């Protein structure tokens, strides 16, 4: 599951006269990290976000909720970082990646509804949705690429 940041490129073009190719910021989870069960972090993130009816798991839209809550200020954040970083786009977009990754982590840490079932709470020993081993939240990352 990845967040493609191309949606703000039109606003960025007026600021980005020194790069011939615009950057793409991607925030999310990449393959290659697995739980002890063998399930990939990417799959678990998707199952959590959209639900998994076969496992009786309801959707817990931590990613979409973060986007809805936070995306309204991202264009302004880019402008602020651009000025602060003297229009060094690698620094600007990496800082945005850090910011958005932090927002995604906050979303996981504060997510509460829907609550876990009593059976799941008994198995885990605590009632916090989206966190079991901490692997998913510790796997949030970002990358900046140029075409």
N, C-alpha and C. Protein backbone atom coordinates (compact mmCIF):
# COMPACT_ATOMS: atom_id res chain seq x y z
N UNK A 1 0.85 -1.15 0.00
CA UNK A 1 0.00 0.00 0.00
C UNK A 1 0.91 1.22 0.00
N UNK A 2 0.73 2.05 -0.97
CA UNK A 2 1.60 3.21 -1.11
C UNK A 2 0.77 4.46 -1.35
N UNK A 3 1.27 5.56 -0.93
CA UNK A 3 0.64 6.85 -1.16
C UNK A 3 1.49 7.55 -2.21
N UNK A 4 0.93 7.81 -3.36
CA UNK A 4 1.66 8.50 -4.42
C UNK A 4 1.37 9.97 -4.31
N UNK A 5 2.40 10.78 -4.24
CA UNK A 5 2.28 12.19 -3.94
C UNK A 5 2.22 13.05 -5.20
N UNK A 6 1.95 12.46 -6.36
CA UNK A 6 1.94 13.22 -7.60
C UNK A 6 0.83 14.27 -7.66
N UNK A 7 -0.18 14.15 -6.84
CA UNK A 7 -1.31 15.07 -6.88
C UNK A 7 -0.96 16.52 -6.64
N UNK A 8 0.15 16.81 -5.99
CA UNK A 8 0.51 18.20 -5.71
C UNK A 8 1.56 18.72 -6.69
N UNK A 9 1.90 17.94 -7.70
CA UNK A 9 2.97 18.36 -8.60
C UNK A 9 2.63 19.63 -9.39
N UNK A 10 1.37 19.81 -9.73
CA UNK A 10 1.01 21.04 -10.46
C UNK A 10 1.32 22.28 -9.61
N UNK A 11 1.00 22.21 -8.32
CA UNK A 11 1.29 23.33 -7.43
C UNK A 11 2.81 23.48 -7.25
N UNK A 12 3.51 22.38 -7.27
CA UNK A 12 4.95 22.41 -7.06
C UNK A 12 5.70 22.98 -8.26
N UNK A 13 5.19 22.80 -9.46
CA UNK A 13 5.90 23.22 -10.67
C UNK A 13 6.26 24.70 -10.66
N UNK A 14 5.40 25.51 -10.05
CA UNK A 14 5.70 26.94 -10.00
C UNK A 14 6.90 27.23 -9.09
N UNK A 15 7.23 26.30 -8.21
CA UNK A 15 8.37 26.47 -7.31
C UNK A 15 9.62 25.75 -7.80
N UNK A 16 9.44 24.79 -8.69
CA UNK A 16 10.53 23.87 -9.04
C UNK A 16 11.13 24.18 -10.41
N UNK A 17 11.79 25.30 -10.54
CA UNK A 17 12.37 25.65 -11.82
C UNK A 17 13.77 25.07 -12.01
N UNK A 18 14.39 24.54 -10.96
CA UNK A 18 15.76 24.06 -11.06
C UNK A 18 15.86 22.56 -11.33
N UNK A 19 14.77 21.83 -11.39
CA UNK A 19 14.79 20.40 -11.68
C UNK A 19 14.03 20.16 -12.98
N UNK A 20 14.62 19.36 -13.86
CA UNK A 20 13.94 19.06 -15.11
C UNK A 20 12.88 17.98 -14.93
N UNK A 21 12.99 17.20 -13.90
CA UNK A 21 12.01 16.15 -13.65
C UNK A 21 11.49 16.29 -12.23
N UNK A 22 10.20 16.22 -12.11
CA UNK A 22 9.57 16.41 -10.80
C UNK A 22 9.72 15.16 -9.94
N UNK A 23 9.85 15.34 -8.65
CA UNK A 23 9.98 14.19 -7.74
C UNK A 23 8.63 13.54 -7.46
N UNK A 24 8.69 12.27 -7.13
CA UNK A 24 7.53 11.53 -6.66
C UNK A 24 7.87 11.02 -5.27
N UNK A 25 7.03 11.34 -4.31
CA UNK A 25 7.17 10.87 -2.94
C UNK A 25 6.18 9.73 -2.74
N UNK A 26 6.66 8.63 -2.23
CA UNK A 26 5.81 7.49 -1.93
C UNK A 26 6.00 7.14 -0.46
N UNK A 27 4.90 7.00 0.25
CA UNK A 27 4.92 6.68 1.67
C UNK A 27 4.10 5.41 1.87
N UNK A 28 4.60 4.50 2.65
CA UNK A 28 3.82 3.30 2.95
C UNK A 28 4.67 2.14 3.39
N UNK A 29 4.30 0.96 2.91
CA UNK A 29 4.93 -0.30 3.28
C UNK A 29 5.43 -0.98 2.02
N UNK A 30 6.63 -1.51 2.07
CA UNK A 30 7.20 -2.22 0.93
C UNK A 30 7.31 -3.69 1.26
N UNK A 31 7.40 -4.49 0.22
CA UNK A 31 7.57 -5.93 0.41
C UNK A 31 8.93 -6.25 1.00
N UNK A 32 9.05 -7.49 1.44
CA UNK A 32 10.33 -7.95 1.96
C UNK A 32 10.36 -8.10 3.47
N UNK A 33 9.39 -7.54 4.16
CA UNK A 33 9.33 -7.69 5.61
C UNK A 33 8.14 -8.57 5.94
N UNK A 34 8.41 -9.64 6.67
CA UNK A 34 7.37 -10.61 6.99
C UNK A 34 7.28 -10.85 8.49
N UNK A 35 6.08 -11.22 8.92
CA UNK A 35 5.85 -11.68 10.28
C UNK A 35 6.36 -13.11 10.41
N UNK A 36 6.46 -13.59 11.64
CA UNK A 36 6.90 -14.96 11.87
C UNK A 36 5.96 -15.96 11.20
N UNK A 37 4.71 -15.58 11.03
CA UNK A 37 3.72 -16.46 10.39
C UNK A 37 3.98 -16.61 8.89
N UNK A 38 4.81 -15.71 8.34
CA UNK A 38 5.06 -15.69 6.90
C UNK A 38 4.28 -14.62 6.17
N UNK A 39 3.27 -14.06 6.80
CA UNK A 39 2.48 -12.99 6.18
C UNK A 39 3.34 -11.75 6.00
N UNK A 40 3.21 -11.11 4.86
CA UNK A 40 4.00 -9.89 4.62
C UNK A 40 3.35 -8.70 5.32
N UNK A 41 4.16 -7.73 5.68
CA UNK A 41 3.65 -6.51 6.29
C UNK A 41 2.70 -5.82 5.33
N UNK A 42 2.99 -5.84 4.05
CA UNK A 42 2.11 -5.22 3.06
C UNK A 42 0.72 -5.87 3.12
N UNK A 43 0.68 -7.20 3.13
CA UNK A 43 -0.62 -7.89 3.19
C UNK A 43 -1.36 -7.54 4.47
N UNK A 44 -0.68 -7.54 5.59
CA UNK A 44 -1.34 -7.24 6.87
C UNK A 44 -1.87 -5.81 6.87
N UNK A 45 -1.10 -4.87 6.31
CA UNK A 45 -1.57 -3.48 6.22
C UNK A 45 -2.83 -3.40 5.37
N UNK A 46 -2.84 -4.10 4.26
CA UNK A 46 -4.03 -4.11 3.38
C UNK A 46 -5.22 -4.75 4.09
N UNK A 47 -4.99 -5.89 4.76
CA UNK A 47 -6.08 -6.55 5.48
C UNK A 47 -6.63 -5.64 6.57
N UNK A 48 -5.75 -4.93 7.25
CA UNK A 48 -6.21 -4.01 8.28
C UNK A 48 -6.99 -2.85 7.66
N UNK A 49 -6.46 -2.26 6.62
CA UNK A 49 -7.08 -1.09 6.00
C UNK A 49 -8.45 -1.41 5.41
N UNK A 50 -8.56 -2.50 4.68
CA UNK A 50 -9.78 -2.81 3.93
C UNK A 50 -10.61 -3.94 4.53
N UNK A 51 -10.09 -4.59 5.55
CA UNK A 51 -10.78 -5.72 6.15
C UNK A 51 -10.43 -7.01 5.44
N UNK A 52 -10.73 -8.10 6.10
CA UNK A 52 -10.49 -9.44 5.56
C UNK A 52 -11.66 -10.32 6.01
N UNK A 53 -12.74 -10.36 5.21
CA UNK A 53 -13.93 -11.11 5.63
C UNK A 53 -13.64 -12.58 5.91
N UNK A 54 -12.69 -13.18 5.19
CA UNK A 54 -12.37 -14.59 5.42
C UNK A 54 -11.81 -14.84 6.81
N UNK A 55 -11.21 -13.82 7.40
CA UNK A 55 -10.66 -13.94 8.76
C UNK A 55 -11.52 -13.20 9.78
N UNK A 56 -12.72 -12.79 9.36
CA UNK A 56 -13.64 -12.04 10.24
C UNK A 56 -12.99 -10.76 10.76
N UNK A 57 -12.22 -10.10 9.90
CA UNK A 57 -11.52 -8.86 10.28
C UNK A 57 -12.21 -7.69 9.60
N UNK A 58 -12.76 -6.74 10.37
CA UNK A 58 -13.42 -5.58 9.77
C UNK A 58 -12.38 -4.57 9.26
N UNK A 59 -12.78 -3.69 8.36
CA UNK A 59 -11.87 -2.64 7.91
C UNK A 59 -11.49 -1.71 9.07
N UNK A 60 -10.23 -1.35 9.10
CA UNK A 60 -9.73 -0.36 10.05
C UNK A 60 -8.91 0.65 9.24
N UNK A 61 -9.58 1.63 8.65
CA UNK A 61 -8.94 2.52 7.66
C UNK A 61 -7.99 3.55 8.27
N UNK A 62 -6.89 3.06 8.79
CA UNK A 62 -5.89 3.94 9.38
C UNK A 62 -5.17 4.78 8.33
N UNK A 63 -4.97 4.24 7.14
CA UNK A 63 -4.24 4.95 6.08
C UNK A 63 -5.13 5.99 5.43
N UNK A 64 -6.32 5.57 5.00
CA UNK A 64 -7.25 6.52 4.38
C UNK A 64 -7.69 7.59 5.36
N UNK A 65 -7.84 7.23 6.63
CA UNK A 65 -8.20 8.21 7.64
C UNK A 65 -7.11 9.26 7.81
N UNK A 66 -5.85 8.82 7.78
CA UNK A 66 -4.73 9.76 7.89
C UNK A 66 -4.72 10.70 6.70
N UNK A 67 -4.92 10.17 5.50
CA UNK A 67 -4.93 11.01 4.29
C UNK A 67 -6.05 12.04 4.38
N UNK A 68 -7.24 11.60 4.76
CA UNK A 68 -8.37 12.53 4.87
C UNK A 68 -8.10 13.63 5.89
N UNK A 69 -7.48 13.27 6.99
CA UNK A 69 -7.22 14.23 8.05
C UNK A 69 -6.07 15.17 7.73
N UNK A 70 -5.02 14.68 7.09
CA UNK A 70 -3.77 15.43 6.97
C UNK A 70 -3.50 16.06 5.60
N UNK A 71 -4.07 15.53 4.54
CA UNK A 71 -3.65 15.94 3.20
C UNK A 71 -3.98 17.39 2.85
N UNK A 72 -4.91 17.98 3.54
CA UNK A 72 -5.31 19.35 3.24
C UNK A 72 -4.21 20.38 3.41
N UNK A 73 -3.20 20.08 4.21
CA UNK A 73 -2.13 21.05 4.44
C UNK A 73 -0.82 20.66 3.76
N UNK A 74 -0.78 19.56 3.02
CA UNK A 74 0.48 19.10 2.43
C UNK A 74 1.06 20.08 1.42
N UNK A 75 0.24 20.69 0.59
CA UNK A 75 0.77 21.65 -0.39
C UNK A 75 1.43 22.83 0.33
N UNK A 76 0.78 23.31 1.39
CA UNK A 76 1.39 24.40 2.17
C UNK A 76 2.66 23.94 2.88
N UNK A 77 2.67 22.69 3.34
CA UNK A 77 3.87 22.15 3.98
C UNK A 77 5.03 22.09 2.99
N UNK A 78 4.74 21.72 1.75
CA UNK A 78 5.79 21.69 0.73
C UNK A 78 6.36 23.08 0.52
N UNK A 79 5.49 24.06 0.44
CA UNK A 79 5.95 25.44 0.27
C UNK A 79 6.85 25.86 1.43
N UNK A 80 6.42 25.54 2.66
CA UNK A 80 7.21 25.89 3.84
C UNK A 80 8.57 25.19 3.82
N UNK A 81 8.57 23.88 3.53
CA UNK A 81 9.83 23.14 3.49
C UNK A 81 10.71 23.64 2.35
N UNK A 82 10.10 24.02 1.23
CA UNK A 82 10.89 24.52 0.10
C UNK A 82 11.67 25.77 0.52
N UNK A 83 11.00 26.67 1.20
CA UNK A 83 11.69 27.88 1.66
C UNK A 83 12.76 27.53 2.69
N UNK A 84 12.40 26.67 3.65
CA UNK A 84 13.33 26.29 4.71
C UNK A 84 14.55 25.54 4.18
N UNK A 85 14.37 24.77 3.11
CA UNK A 85 15.45 23.95 2.56
C UNK A 85 16.09 24.60 1.34
N UNK A 86 15.82 25.89 1.13
CA UNK A 86 16.39 26.63 0.01
C UNK A 86 16.14 25.92 -1.33
N UNK A 87 14.93 25.39 -1.46
CA UNK A 87 14.45 24.75 -2.69
C UNK A 87 15.30 23.56 -3.13
N UNK A 88 15.91 22.88 -2.17
CA UNK A 88 16.59 21.61 -2.44
C UNK A 88 15.51 20.52 -2.37
N UNK A 89 15.06 20.08 -3.56
CA UNK A 89 13.89 19.22 -3.62
C UNK A 89 14.11 17.86 -2.98
N UNK A 90 15.32 17.36 -2.98
CA UNK A 90 15.57 16.12 -2.26
C UNK A 90 15.26 16.32 -0.78
N UNK A 91 15.75 17.40 -0.21
CA UNK A 91 15.49 17.69 1.20
C UNK A 91 14.01 17.95 1.45
N UNK A 92 13.38 18.72 0.57
CA UNK A 92 11.96 19.06 0.73
C UNK A 92 11.11 17.80 0.76
N UNK A 93 11.28 16.95 -0.23
CA UNK A 93 10.43 15.76 -0.32
C UNK A 93 10.80 14.72 0.71
N UNK A 94 12.05 14.63 1.09
CA UNK A 94 12.40 13.72 2.18
C UNK A 94 11.78 14.21 3.49
N UNK A 95 11.77 15.51 3.72
CA UNK A 95 11.12 16.03 4.93
C UNK A 95 9.63 15.76 4.89
N UNK A 96 9.00 15.92 3.74
CA UNK A 96 7.59 15.59 3.62
C UNK A 96 7.37 14.10 3.89
N UNK A 97 8.28 13.26 3.41
CA UNK A 97 8.17 11.82 3.68
C UNK A 97 8.24 11.52 5.16
N UNK A 98 9.14 12.21 5.86
CA UNK A 98 9.24 12.05 7.31
C UNK A 98 7.94 12.52 7.97
N UNK A 99 7.43 13.67 7.54
CA UNK A 99 6.19 14.21 8.11
C UNK A 99 5.01 13.26 7.91
N UNK A 100 4.83 12.81 6.68
CA UNK A 100 3.68 11.95 6.36
C UNK A 100 3.83 10.58 7.03
N UNK A 101 5.05 10.05 7.05
CA UNK A 101 5.29 8.79 7.76
C UNK A 101 4.93 8.93 9.23
N UNK A 102 5.29 10.06 9.82
CA UNK A 102 4.94 10.32 11.22
C UNK A 102 3.44 10.39 11.42
N UNK A 103 2.74 11.00 10.47
CA UNK A 103 1.28 11.07 10.56
C UNK A 103 0.66 9.69 10.45
N UNK A 104 1.23 8.84 9.60
CA UNK A 104 0.73 7.47 9.46
C UNK A 104 0.99 6.69 10.75
N UNK A 105 2.14 6.86 11.34
CA UNK A 105 2.44 6.22 12.62
C UNK A 105 1.46 6.69 13.70
N UNK A 106 1.22 8.00 13.76
CA UNK A 106 0.25 8.53 14.72
C UNK A 106 -1.13 7.93 14.50
N UNK A 107 -1.51 7.75 13.25
CA UNK A 107 -2.82 7.19 12.93
C UNK A 107 -2.92 5.76 13.46
N UNK A 108 -1.87 4.97 13.29
CA UNK A 108 -1.88 3.60 13.81
C UNK A 108 -1.93 3.63 15.34
N UNK A 109 -1.12 4.48 15.95
CA UNK A 109 -1.04 4.53 17.41
C UNK A 109 -2.33 5.00 18.08
N UNK A 110 -3.10 5.83 17.39
CA UNK A 110 -4.31 6.39 18.00
C UNK A 110 -5.60 5.74 17.52
N UNK A 111 -5.51 4.81 16.58
CA UNK A 111 -6.70 4.18 16.01
C UNK A 111 -7.39 3.32 17.06
N UNK A 112 -8.73 3.46 17.18
CA UNK A 112 -9.45 2.69 18.21
C UNK A 112 -10.70 1.96 17.70
N UNK A 113 -11.28 2.38 16.61
CA UNK A 113 -12.56 1.81 16.16
C UNK A 113 -12.47 1.28 14.74
N UNK A 114 -13.01 0.10 14.49
CA UNK A 114 -13.77 -0.73 15.41
C UNK A 114 -12.85 -1.44 16.42
N UNK A 115 -13.40 -1.66 17.57
CA UNK A 115 -12.66 -2.34 18.64
C UNK A 115 -12.40 -3.80 18.27
N UNK A 116 -11.41 -4.37 18.91
CA UNK A 116 -11.12 -5.79 18.72
C UNK A 116 -12.20 -6.63 19.39
N UNK A 117 -12.35 -7.83 18.89
CA UNK A 117 -13.31 -8.75 19.50
C UNK A 117 -12.75 -9.24 20.85
N UNK A 118 -13.61 -9.67 21.74
CA UNK A 118 -13.14 -10.21 23.02
C UNK A 118 -12.17 -11.39 22.84
N UNK A 119 -12.40 -12.20 21.81
CA UNK A 119 -11.51 -13.34 21.55
C UNK A 119 -10.11 -12.84 21.20
N UNK A 120 -10.04 -11.83 20.33
CA UNK A 120 -8.74 -11.28 19.92
C UNK A 120 -8.05 -10.62 21.11
N UNK A 121 -8.79 -9.91 21.91
CA UNK A 121 -8.21 -9.27 23.10
C UNK A 121 -7.62 -10.33 24.03
N UNK A 122 -8.35 -11.42 24.22
CA UNK A 122 -7.85 -12.50 25.08
C UNK A 122 -6.58 -13.13 24.51
N UNK A 123 -6.53 -13.29 23.18
CA UNK A 123 -5.34 -13.87 22.53
C UNK A 123 -4.14 -12.95 22.65
N UNK A 124 -4.36 -11.64 22.42
CA UNK A 124 -3.26 -10.67 22.43
C UNK A 124 -2.87 -10.26 23.85
N UNK A 125 -3.85 -10.20 24.71
CA UNK A 125 -3.60 -9.74 26.06
C UNK A 125 -3.79 -8.24 26.24
N UNK A 126 -4.22 -7.55 25.17
CA UNK A 126 -4.52 -6.12 25.24
C UNK A 126 -5.49 -5.77 24.12
N UNK A 127 -6.10 -4.59 24.22
CA UNK A 127 -7.22 -4.24 23.35
C UNK A 127 -6.89 -3.26 22.23
N UNK A 128 -5.64 -2.99 21.97
CA UNK A 128 -5.25 -1.98 20.96
C UNK A 128 -5.34 -2.56 19.55
N UNK A 129 -6.25 -2.01 18.70
CA UNK A 129 -6.29 -2.45 17.31
C UNK A 129 -5.02 -2.02 16.56
N UNK A 130 -4.68 -2.74 15.53
CA UNK A 130 -3.59 -2.47 14.59
C UNK A 130 -2.19 -2.74 15.14
N UNK A 131 -2.08 -3.01 16.40
CA UNK A 131 -0.76 -3.26 16.96
C UNK A 131 -0.77 -4.63 17.64
N UNK A 132 0.14 -5.46 17.20
CA UNK A 132 0.33 -6.76 17.83
C UNK A 132 1.80 -6.85 18.22
N UNK A 133 2.65 -7.03 17.22
CA UNK A 133 4.09 -7.09 17.48
C UNK A 133 4.77 -5.74 17.31
N UNK A 134 4.11 -4.80 16.61
CA UNK A 134 4.71 -3.51 16.30
C UNK A 134 5.44 -3.50 14.98
N UNK A 135 5.49 -4.64 14.30
CA UNK A 135 6.22 -4.72 13.04
C UNK A 135 5.63 -3.81 11.96
N UNK A 136 4.31 -3.76 11.84
CA UNK A 136 3.71 -2.94 10.80
C UNK A 136 4.05 -1.46 11.02
N UNK A 137 3.84 -0.96 12.22
CA UNK A 137 4.10 0.46 12.45
C UNK A 137 5.59 0.78 12.32
N UNK A 138 6.45 -0.18 12.64
CA UNK A 138 7.89 0.04 12.50
C UNK A 138 8.38 -0.13 11.07
N UNK A 139 7.49 -0.55 10.18
CA UNK A 139 7.87 -0.75 8.77
C UNK A 139 7.46 0.40 7.87
N UNK A 140 6.86 1.45 8.41
CA UNK A 140 6.47 2.61 7.62
C UNK A 140 7.74 3.27 7.09
N UNK A 141 7.74 3.57 5.81
CA UNK A 141 8.90 4.23 5.22
C UNK A 141 8.47 5.10 4.05
N UNK A 142 9.41 5.82 3.52
CA UNK A 142 9.13 6.66 2.34
C UNK A 142 10.33 6.63 1.40
N UNK A 143 10.05 7.01 0.16
CA UNK A 143 11.14 7.15 -0.81
C UNK A 143 10.79 8.28 -1.76
N UNK A 144 11.83 8.94 -2.23
CA UNK A 144 11.69 10.01 -3.21
C UNK A 144 12.38 9.54 -4.48
N UNK A 145 11.69 9.63 -5.58
CA UNK A 145 12.25 9.20 -6.86
C UNK A 145 12.04 10.27 -7.90
N UNK A 146 12.94 10.31 -8.83
CA UNK A 146 12.81 11.20 -10.00
C UNK A 146 12.65 10.34 -11.22
N UNK A 147 11.78 10.77 -12.13
CA UNK A 147 11.52 9.98 -13.35
C UNK A 147 12.78 9.79 -14.15
